[in-house]
């Protein structure tokens, strides 16, 4: 097992661009790739739409055809890696979830074939396959730029004794919680292809929305190359790969007057995750975890453990919400 100093330059960027159809996802992804620099390949599920931009940036294409199973995406990513591409654009990940032969169709097929129509049980077979696809993107030695279609998210609420449908905003058409996995999530709008960051660990996209450009990709590349190595702790110990124990969290200090000590931050967040009743609440907790680690209130190991808890709880909650409509 090799121990090395942490360097941002050793990391790869994982970006997700979301927008309704025609919002400029493919165009924006290619601009980012050109700015970041490196051999680029597009895994194209959009019937060759990337070919329309052949003059924008030099790139190759892997045409992915139905059925859009997780395994088909994984095979395409593996082929791109073996060919030595430095940037892989996955355009789009929406089909892996709700395209022809994608996860939602597979859930229905498996439910009918094995579980008498019980989709809840079918998710136990689909979740690991979808997770393997996500892991293929996260562990890739290449930069990953994924795209996903978005649609208006609605909810039914009761007001004055009457039920009505309200708009909650835009949501990516992929498995809920997929945004947890990416370094940056950029939501695009039609007018000028402006981008707003709904999640960003780089700090490059704060402030007013801005159009994506080649310079945006250059700034991402500069950010990846800019950081100095982080110091290794004096003990030189290898961080635990298992769950972070409560003792590793902030040490609870005695409260004034001899009252019960405050709950350690790690334990408090873990409890909130366990008690989350829906995916939307879980998403807010995930966003808060990112803020806490950015503010150095959580260690990297604690962040990793809590993020794994969020994913596990998400996999419990989502089938319930799908089954309940």
Protein backbone atom coordinates (compact mmCIF):
# COMPACT_ATOMS: atom_id res chain seq x y z
CA UNK A 1 0.00 0.00 0.00
CA UNK A 2 1.47 3.33 -1.09
CA UNK A 3 1.15 6.48 1.00
CA UNK A 4 1.43 9.80 -0.84
CA UNK A 5 0.91 13.45 -0.06
CA UNK A 6 -2.48 14.81 -1.07
CA UNK A 7 -2.31 17.00 -4.17
CA UNK A 8 -5.21 18.58 -5.98
CA UNK A 9 -3.26 18.14 -9.21
CA UNK A 10 -3.60 14.37 -8.73
CA UNK A 11 -7.40 14.69 -8.82
CA UNK A 12 -9.66 14.62 -11.85
CA UNK A 13 -12.63 16.89 -12.38
CA UNK A 14 -16.09 15.33 -12.34
CA UNK A 15 -18.62 17.74 -13.79
CA UNK A 16 -22.34 17.43 -14.48
CA UNK A 17 -24.19 19.78 -16.85
CA UNK A 18 -27.99 19.78 -16.65
CA UNK A 19 -30.61 21.56 -18.73
CA UNK A 20 -33.84 20.93 -20.62
CA UNK A 21 -33.48 19.67 -24.17
CA UNK A 22 -31.72 22.30 -26.29
CA UNK A 23 -30.09 24.00 -23.33
CA UNK A 24 -26.55 23.62 -24.62
CA UNK A 25 -25.25 20.65 -22.62
CA UNK A 26 -23.22 19.03 -25.42
CA UNK A 27 -21.89 22.36 -26.65
CA UNK A 28 -20.93 23.41 -23.11
CA UNK A 29 -19.26 20.07 -22.36
CA UNK A 30 -17.07 20.37 -25.47
CA UNK A 31 -16.08 23.94 -24.57
CA UNK A 32 -15.05 22.77 -21.10
CA UNK A 33 -13.09 19.86 -22.58
CA UNK A 34 -11.25 22.16 -24.97
CA UNK A 35 -10.33 24.49 -22.11
CA UNK A 36 -9.18 21.71 -19.78
CA UNK A 37 -7.09 20.22 -22.58
CA UNK A 38 -6.41 16.61 -23.55
CA UNK A 39 -7.62 13.87 -25.89
CA UNK A 40 -11.39 13.87 -25.75
CA UNK A 41 -14.03 11.27 -26.52
CA UNK A 42 -17.80 11.65 -26.37
CA UNK A 43 -19.95 8.69 -25.35
CA UNK A 44 -22.96 9.77 -27.42
CA UNK A 45 -26.45 8.46 -26.60
CA UNK A 46 -28.15 11.36 -28.40
CA UNK A 47 -28.12 9.89 -31.92
CA UNK A 48 -24.93 11.59 -33.01
CA UNK A 49 -25.76 15.09 -31.75
CA UNK A 50 -22.11 15.68 -30.82
CA UNK A 51 -21.13 15.43 -34.51
CA UNK A 52 -22.82 18.80 -35.04
CA UNK A 53 -19.94 20.42 -33.15
CA UNK A 54 -17.00 18.80 -34.95
CA UNK A 55 -15.56 22.24 -35.77
CA UNK A 56 -15.61 23.34 -32.13
CA UNK A 57 -13.07 20.88 -30.74
CA UNK A 58 -11.19 17.83 -32.00
CA UNK A 59 -12.77 14.76 -30.44
CA UNK A 60 -13.75 11.16 -31.13
CA UNK A 61 -17.13 9.53 -30.60
CA UNK A 62 -18.40 6.27 -29.15
CA UNK A 63 -21.98 5.84 -30.38
CA UNK A 64 -23.98 4.12 -27.66
CA UNK A 65 -27.19 2.46 -28.79
CA UNK A 66 -30.11 0.96 -26.83
CA UNK A 67 -30.46 -0.88 -24.57
CA UNK A 68 -28.90 1.75 -22.31
CA UNK A 69 -27.98 -0.60 -19.48
CA UNK A 70 -25.47 0.40 -16.79
CA UNK A 71 -23.15 -2.26 -18.18
CA UNK A 72 -23.22 -0.68 -21.66
CA UNK A 73 -22.09 2.64 -20.20
CA UNK A 74 -19.38 0.93 -18.14
CA UNK A 75 -18.07 -0.89 -21.24
CA UNK A 76 -17.90 2.42 -23.14
CA UNK A 77 -16.03 4.14 -20.30
CA UNK A 78 -13.59 1.22 -20.06
CA UNK A 79 -12.99 1.34 -23.82
CA UNK A 80 -12.26 5.07 -23.63
CA UNK A 81 -9.82 4.58 -20.76
CA UNK A 82 -8.00 1.75 -22.53
CA UNK A 83 -7.64 3.97 -25.61
CA UNK A 84 -5.90 6.59 -23.47
CA UNK A 85 -8.44 9.42 -23.58
CA UNK A 86 -7.88 12.11 -20.97
CA UNK A 87 -11.39 13.57 -21.05
CA UNK A 88 -14.55 11.47 -21.31
CA UNK A 89 -17.85 13.24 -22.01
CA UNK A 90 -20.86 11.07 -21.15
CA UNK A 91 -23.72 12.60 -23.14
CA UNK A 92 -26.05 11.80 -21.51
CA UNK A 93 -26.47 9.85 -18.29
CA UNK A 94 -30.25 10.35 -18.45
CA UNK A 95 -30.67 7.35 -20.74
CA UNK A 96 -28.94 5.05 -18.23
CA UNK A 97 -31.77 5.83 -15.81
CA UNK A 98 -34.93 6.30 -17.85
CA UNK A 99 -33.95 5.55 -21.44
CA UNK A 100 -34.80 2.47 -23.48
CA UNK A 101 -33.34 -0.49 -21.61
CA UNK A 102 -32.27 1.80 -18.75
CA UNK A 103 -32.68 1.21 -15.03
CA UNK A 104 -36.37 2.13 -14.75
CA UNK A 105 -37.30 -0.24 -17.57
CA UNK A 106 -35.12 -2.92 -16.00
CA UNK A 107 -36.89 -2.44 -12.66
CA UNK A 108 -40.26 -3.04 -14.32
CA UNK A 109 -38.98 -6.06 -16.27
CA UNK A 110 -37.39 -7.67 -13.21
CA UNK A 111 -40.42 -6.92 -11.05
CA UNK A 112 -42.73 -8.69 -13.50
CA UNK A 113 -40.38 -11.62 -14.11
CA UNK A 114 -39.24 -12.36 -10.55
CA UNK A 115 -41.25 -10.45 -7.95
CA UNK A 116 -44.88 -10.54 -9.12
CA UNK A 117 -44.77 -6.87 -10.04
CA UNK A 118 -43.13 -5.72 -6.79
CA UNK A 119 -40.80 -2.93 -7.94
CA UNK A 120 -39.50 -2.45 -4.39
CA UNK A 121 -37.85 -5.88 -4.52
CA UNK A 122 -36.58 -5.28 -8.05
CA UNK A 123 -34.58 -2.26 -6.89
CA UNK A 124 -32.41 -4.60 -4.81
CA UNK A 125 -31.03 -5.94 -8.10
CA UNK A 126 -30.85 -2.66 -10.01
CA UNK A 127 -29.21 -0.50 -7.33
CA UNK A 128 -25.84 -2.36 -7.40
CA UNK A 129 -25.77 -2.19 -11.20
CA UNK A 130 -26.46 1.55 -11.20
CA UNK A 131 -23.90 2.02 -8.43
CA UNK A 132 -21.28 0.24 -10.56
CA UNK A 133 -21.90 2.77 -13.35
CA UNK A 134 -21.48 5.72 -10.97
CA UNK A 135 -18.30 4.16 -9.57
CA UNK A 136 -16.92 3.73 -13.10
CA UNK A 137 -17.14 7.51 -13.55
CA UNK A 138 -15.75 8.30 -10.09
CA UNK A 139 -12.76 5.99 -10.40
CA UNK A 140 -11.85 6.84 -13.96
CA UNK A 141 -8.30 8.13 -14.54
CA UNK A 142 -9.82 10.62 -17.00
CA UNK A 143 -11.73 13.83 -16.38
CA UNK A 144 -15.46 13.07 -16.59
CA UNK A 145 -17.96 15.57 -17.97
CA UNK A 146 -21.49 14.15 -17.82
CA UNK A 147 -24.71 15.68 -19.08
CA UNK A 148 -28.29 15.09 -17.98
CA UNK A 149 -31.62 16.41 -19.14
CA UNK A 150 -33.63 18.31 -16.57
CA UNK A 151 -37.34 18.79 -16.10
CA UNK A 152 -39.64 20.77 -13.84
CA UNK A 153 -40.03 19.08 -10.46
CA UNK A 154 -43.46 19.34 -8.84
CA UNK A 155 -45.09 18.31 -5.58
CA UNK A 156 -48.65 18.05 -4.36
CA UNK A 157 -49.39 20.20 -1.31
CA UNK A 158 -52.50 20.93 0.70
CA UNK A 159 -53.50 24.56 1.09
CA UNK A 160 -56.74 25.76 2.61
CA UNK A 161 -58.15 22.26 2.57
CA UNK A 162 -57.43 21.85 -1.13
CA UNK A 163 -54.67 19.96 -2.84
CA UNK A 164 -52.66 21.70 -5.52
CA UNK A 165 -49.50 21.07 -7.52
CA UNK A 166 -46.59 23.47 -6.97
CA UNK A 167 -43.34 23.80 -8.89
CA UNK A 168 -40.19 23.07 -6.88
CA UNK A 169 -37.67 23.96 -9.59
CA UNK A 170 -35.67 21.91 -12.07
CA UNK A 171 -34.42 18.38 -11.40
CA UNK A 172 -32.02 16.23 -13.41
CA UNK A 173 -33.57 13.21 -15.12
CA UNK A 174 -31.39 10.61 -13.47
CA UNK A 175 -31.47 8.80 -10.17
CA UNK A 176 -32.11 11.23 -7.35
CA UNK A 177 -28.89 11.97 -5.52
CA UNK A 178 -26.58 11.56 -8.53
CA UNK A 179 -25.40 15.13 -8.02
CA UNK A 180 -23.69 14.06 -4.77
CA UNK A 181 -21.03 12.35 -6.84
CA UNK A 182 -19.76 15.29 -8.88
CA UNK A 183 -17.20 17.98 -8.14
CA UNK A 184 -19.40 20.59 -9.80
CA UNK A 185 -23.01 20.58 -11.00
CA UNK A 186 -23.87 23.34 -13.49
CA UNK A 187 -27.49 24.06 -14.38
CA UNK A 188 -27.80 25.67 -17.83
CA UNK A 189 -30.57 27.88 -19.19
CA UNK A 190 -31.50 28.39 -22.83
CA UNK A 191 -30.83 32.12 -22.95
CA UNK A 192 -27.13 32.39 -23.76
CA UNK A 193 -26.29 29.00 -22.21
CA UNK A 194 -25.75 30.65 -18.84
CA UNK A 195 -24.61 28.34 -16.04
CA UNK A 196 -25.53 28.43 -12.36
CA UNK A 197 -23.75 26.11 -9.95
CA UNK A 198 -26.09 24.10 -7.74
CA UNK A 199 -23.03 22.39 -6.29
CA UNK A 200 -19.38 23.39 -6.54
CA UNK A 201 -16.30 22.26 -4.63
CA UNK A 202 -13.93 24.39 -6.68
CA UNK A 203 -15.18 27.82 -5.62
CA UNK A 204 -14.91 28.96 -9.25
CA UNK A 205 -18.60 29.34 -9.95
CA UNK A 206 -19.82 31.57 -7.13
CA UNK A 207 -21.65 34.79 -7.93
CA UNK A 208 -23.83 35.63 -10.89
CA UNK A 209 -24.54 33.06 -13.63
CA UNK A 210 -22.05 33.16 -16.48
CA UNK A 211 -21.97 31.53 -19.92
CA UNK A 212 -19.72 28.49 -20.27
CA UNK A 213 -16.66 29.16 -22.41
CA UNK A 214 -13.27 27.67 -23.24
CA UNK A 215 -11.87 29.92 -20.52
CA UNK A 216 -14.13 28.17 -18.01
CA UNK A 217 -12.33 24.92 -18.77
CA UNK A 218 -8.95 26.63 -18.50
CA UNK A 219 -9.86 27.93 -15.04
CA UNK A 220 -10.84 24.42 -13.96
CA UNK A 221 -7.49 23.08 -15.19
CA UNK A 222 -5.66 25.88 -13.38
CA UNK A 223 -7.57 25.15 -10.18
CA UNK A 224 -6.61 21.47 -10.35
CA UNK A 225 -2.95 22.39 -10.82
CA UNK A 226 -2.76 25.21 -8.28
CA UNK A 227 -2.84 23.60 -4.84
CA UNK A 228 0.24 22.81 -2.78
CA UNK A 229 0.58 19.34 -1.24
CA UNK A 230 -1.25 18.98 2.05
CA UNK A 231 0.96 17.99 5.00
CA UNK A 232 0.89 14.45 6.31
CA UNK A 233 -0.06 14.19 9.97
CA UNK A 234 2.87 13.81 12.35
CA UNK A 235 1.74 10.36 13.33
CA UNK A 236 2.02 9.14 9.75
CA UNK A 237 -0.82 6.70 10.31
CA UNK A 238 -2.99 5.41 7.50
CA UNK A 239 -6.57 6.72 7.75
CA UNK A 240 -9.14 4.08 8.57
CA UNK A 241 -11.04 2.74 5.58
CA UNK A 242 -13.99 1.77 7.74
CA UNK A 243 -16.68 3.87 9.40
CA UNK A 244 -15.41 6.81 11.39
CA UNK A 245 -16.04 6.20 15.10
CA UNK A 246 -17.65 8.88 17.22
CA UNK A 247 -14.33 9.40 19.00
CA UNK A 248 -12.84 10.66 15.75
CA UNK A 249 -15.33 13.51 15.58
CA UNK A 250 -15.19 16.81 17.39
CA UNK A 251 -14.57 16.15 21.07
CA UNK A 252 -17.65 17.00 23.10
CA UNK A 253 -16.89 19.64 25.69
CA UNK A 254 -18.65 19.74 29.06
CA UNK A 255 -21.57 22.12 28.96
CA UNK A 256 -21.77 24.98 31.47
CA UNK A 257 -23.25 24.00 34.81
CA UNK A 258 -22.38 20.34 34.45
CA UNK A 259 -25.11 19.67 31.89
CA UNK A 260 -24.93 16.81 29.40
CA UNK A 261 -22.07 17.40 26.90
CA UNK A 262 -23.02 18.60 23.45
CA UNK A 263 -23.45 15.88 20.83
CA UNK A 264 -20.34 15.55 18.60
CA UNK A 265 -20.89 17.07 15.18
CA UNK A 266 -20.25 13.81 13.32
CA UNK A 267 -22.79 11.97 15.50
CA UNK A 268 -25.32 14.76 15.05
CA UNK A 269 -25.10 14.69 11.24
CA UNK A 270 -25.19 10.88 11.22
CA UNK A 271 -28.38 11.01 13.28
CA UNK A 272 -29.97 13.50 10.88
CA UNK A 273 -29.15 11.16 7.98
CA UNK A 274 -30.70 8.19 9.77
CA UNK A 275 -33.84 10.19 10.61
CA UNK A 276 -34.30 11.70 7.11
CA UNK A 277 -37.79 10.88 5.85
CA UNK A 278 -37.41 11.77 2.17
CA UNK A 279 -34.82 12.19 -0.56
CA UNK A 280 -35.21 15.99 -0.68
CA UNK A 281 -34.28 16.32 3.00
CA UNK A 282 -31.37 13.96 2.41
CA UNK A 283 -30.17 16.19 -0.43
CA UNK A 284 -30.09 19.21 1.87
CA UNK A 285 -28.11 17.22 4.43
CA UNK A 286 -25.62 16.22 1.71
CA UNK A 287 -25.17 19.86 0.71
CA UNK A 288 -24.60 20.80 4.35
CA UNK A 289 -21.93 18.10 4.71
CA UNK A 290 -20.05 19.65 1.77
CA UNK A 291 -20.17 23.05 3.49
CA UNK A 292 -18.94 21.63 6.79
CA UNK A 293 -15.91 19.95 5.24
CA UNK A 294 -15.13 23.12 3.28
CA UNK A 295 -15.20 25.06 6.56
CA UNK A 296 -12.88 22.47 8.18
CA UNK A 297 -15.58 21.46 10.67
CA UNK A 298 -15.41 17.89 9.37
CA UNK A 299 -12.32 15.93 8.39
CA UNK A 300 -11.99 14.27 4.99
CA UNK A 301 -12.53 10.85 6.59
CA UNK A 302 -15.66 12.07 8.36
CA UNK A 303 -16.97 13.59 5.13
CA UNK A 304 -16.35 10.30 3.31
CA UNK A 305 -18.12 8.26 6.00
CA UNK A 306 -21.11 10.61 6.13
CA UNK A 307 -21.39 10.69 2.34
CA UNK A 308 -21.51 6.89 2.31
CA UNK A 309 -24.29 7.07 4.92
CA UNK A 310 -26.23 9.51 2.73
CA UNK A 311 -25.92 7.18 -0.27
CA UNK A 312 -27.04 4.17 1.76
CA UNK A 313 -30.04 6.04 3.20
CA UNK A 314 -30.87 7.33 -0.28
CA UNK A 315 -30.96 3.77 -1.60
CA UNK A 316 -33.44 2.94 1.18
CA UNK A 317 -35.72 5.94 0.62
CA UNK A 318 -35.90 6.24 -3.15
CA UNK A 319 -37.67 2.93 -3.88
CA UNK A 320 -40.30 3.89 -1.28
CA UNK A 321 -40.92 7.23 -2.98
CA UNK A 322 -41.09 5.62 -6.43
CA UNK A 323 -43.51 2.96 -5.16
CA UNK A 324 -45.70 5.62 -3.53
CA UNK A 325 -45.77 7.65 -6.72
